[in-house]
Amino acid sequence: MQQWEESTSDAGQDAGSTLIRQVQQWIDHHLGEDLSLQVIAGEVHLHPVYLSKMYKQSTGEGISDYIIRSRMERAVHLLKHTAMKIYEVGQEVGYNNTPYFIQVFRKHYGLTPQDFRNG
C-alpha cells in the first residue's frame, strides 16, 4: 500500500512539474501581452488561485515574480543585442508605459535601461 501511495505521489509531482514548465514556456512566449493570472490560468484550464498556490509551492516564487524576472531578462537581451529604442524594448516585453518600464528596470537592476545600455 505504501509503495502505491509513493508512486501516485510521484506521478502527481511529475504532472505538476510538467504543468509548471508549460506555464513558464507560455509566459516566455507571450511576454509582450497581458499576463494576468486569470489569462494564464485560462490557458492551462485551472482556477487562478489554485494555479498561483501550486506554482508558488513548486518553484518557491510567485508567478508575478517570474513574469517580471523574465521580462527584465528579455529587456536586457534586447538592450545588449539590438538598437531598439527604450520605449520599443519596454513595449516588446509588455510595458506600454515607458516611465513604468524604466521604474521597474531600475528597481530590478539598480540603473535605468539607458544607463545599462551605455555602461
Protein backbone atom coordinates (compact mmCIF):
# COMPACT_ATOMS: atom_id res chain seq x y z
CA MET A 1 0.00 0.00 0.00
CA GLN A 2 2.83 2.43 0.87
CA GLN A 3 4.50 1.75 -2.47
CA TRP A 4 1.26 2.60 -4.32
CA GLU A 5 0.90 5.87 -2.38
CA GLU A 6 4.50 6.82 -3.19
CA SER A 7 4.07 6.04 -6.90
CA THR A 8 0.86 8.09 -7.16
CA SER A 9 2.53 10.93 -5.26
CA ASP A 10 5.47 10.84 -7.69
CA ALA A 11 3.09 10.84 -10.66
CA GLY A 12 1.33 13.88 -9.21
CA GLN A 13 4.64 15.68 -8.76
CA ASP A 14 5.67 14.88 -12.35
CA ALA A 15 2.37 16.19 -13.67
CA GLY A 16 2.79 19.33 -11.55
CA SER A 17 6.34 19.86 -12.83
CA THR A 18 5.18 19.44 -16.41
CA LEU A 19 2.39 21.94 -15.83
CA ILE A 20 4.80 24.46 -14.27
CA ARG A 21 7.14 24.12 -17.27
CA GLN A 22 4.18 24.63 -19.62
CA VAL A 23 3.15 27.76 -17.75
CA GLN A 24 6.69 29.13 -17.85
CA GLN A 25 7.05 28.39 -21.57
CA TRP A 26 3.70 30.02 -22.32
CA ILE A 27 4.72 33.10 -20.33
CA ASP A 28 8.10 33.25 -22.10
CA HIS A 29 6.38 33.20 -25.49
CA HIS A 30 3.85 35.89 -24.54
CA LEU A 31 5.95 38.43 -22.60
CA GLY A 32 4.60 41.35 -24.63
CA GLU A 33 0.97 40.50 -23.88
CA ASP A 34 -1.41 40.73 -20.94
CA LEU A 35 -0.05 38.23 -18.45
CA SER A 36 -2.62 38.40 -15.70
CA LEU A 37 -3.09 35.37 -13.51
CA GLN A 38 -6.59 34.94 -14.94
CA VAL A 39 -5.28 34.79 -18.52
CA ILE A 40 -2.52 32.31 -17.64
CA ALA A 41 -4.88 30.11 -15.61
CA GLY A 42 -7.32 30.11 -18.52
CA GLU A 43 -4.58 28.83 -20.81
CA VAL A 44 -3.92 25.82 -18.59
CA HIS A 45 -7.57 25.36 -17.56
CA LEU A 46 -7.06 25.85 -13.84
CA HIS A 47 -8.56 28.19 -11.27
CA PRO A 48 -6.27 31.22 -10.81
CA VAL A 49 -5.94 30.76 -7.03
CA TYR A 50 -5.11 27.07 -7.40
CA LEU A 51 -2.53 27.78 -10.12
CA SER A 52 -0.94 30.51 -8.03
CA LYS A 53 -0.62 28.30 -4.95
CA MET A 54 0.64 25.34 -6.96
CA TYR A 55 3.22 27.48 -8.77
CA LYS A 56 4.49 29.05 -5.55
CA GLN A 57 4.70 25.67 -3.82
CA SER A 58 6.57 24.14 -6.76
CA THR A 59 9.02 26.93 -7.54
CA GLY A 60 9.29 28.99 -4.38
CA GLU A 61 8.43 32.19 -6.27
CA GLY A 62 5.15 33.71 -7.33
CA ILE A 63 4.01 33.82 -10.94
CA SER A 64 4.23 37.62 -10.98
CA ASP A 65 7.86 37.42 -9.80
CA TYR A 66 8.61 35.00 -12.62
CA ILE A 67 6.93 37.30 -15.14
CA ILE A 68 8.89 40.35 -14.00
CA ARG A 69 12.16 38.42 -13.96
CA SER A 70 11.52 37.02 -17.44
CA ARG A 71 10.57 40.43 -18.80
CA MET A 72 13.67 42.03 -17.33
CA GLU A 73 15.94 39.28 -18.69
CA ARG A 74 14.41 39.72 -22.15
CA ALA A 75 14.79 43.51 -21.87
CA VAL A 76 18.48 43.09 -21.01
CA HIS A 77 18.94 40.87 -24.04
CA LEU A 78 17.24 43.41 -26.31
CA LEU A 79 19.23 46.30 -24.86
CA LYS A 80 22.50 44.43 -25.43
CA HIS A 81 21.80 42.99 -28.85
CA THR A 82 19.54 45.45 -30.67
CA ALA A 83 19.38 49.14 -31.43
CA MET A 84 15.74 49.31 -30.34
CA LYS A 85 14.71 52.48 -28.55
CA ILE A 86 13.99 52.19 -24.82
CA TYR A 87 10.25 52.58 -25.32
CA GLU A 88 10.33 49.86 -28.00
CA VAL A 89 12.11 47.49 -25.65
CA GLY A 90 9.53 48.26 -22.98
CA GLN A 91 6.67 47.55 -25.36
CA GLU A 92 8.32 44.36 -26.58
CA VAL A 93 8.40 42.99 -23.04
CA GLY A 94 4.89 44.09 -22.11
CA TYR A 95 5.26 47.60 -20.70
CA ASN A 96 3.31 50.14 -22.75
CA ASN A 97 4.04 52.84 -20.17
CA THR A 98 7.72 53.73 -20.69
CA PRO A 99 8.23 55.53 -17.35
CA TYR A 100 6.84 52.48 -15.56
CA PHE A 101 9.16 50.18 -17.55
CA ILE A 102 12.12 52.36 -16.57
CA GLN A 103 10.99 52.30 -12.92
CA VAL A 104 10.67 48.50 -12.84
CA PHE A 105 14.01 48.07 -14.65
CA ARG A 106 15.75 50.42 -12.20
CA LYS A 107 14.24 48.61 -9.22
CA HIS A 108 15.37 45.25 -10.64
CA TYR A 109 18.90 46.19 -11.77
CA GLY A 110 19.72 49.38 -9.91
CA LEU A 111 20.08 51.51 -13.05
CA THR A 112 17.96 52.77 -15.91
CA PRO A 113 17.77 50.91 -19.23
CA GLN A 114 19.72 53.72 -20.88
CA ASP A 115 22.44 53.60 -18.22
CA PHE A 116 22.56 49.83 -18.61
CA ARG A 117 22.97 50.14 -22.37
CA ASN A 118 25.64 52.84 -22.05
CA GLY A 119 27.53 51.10 -19.28
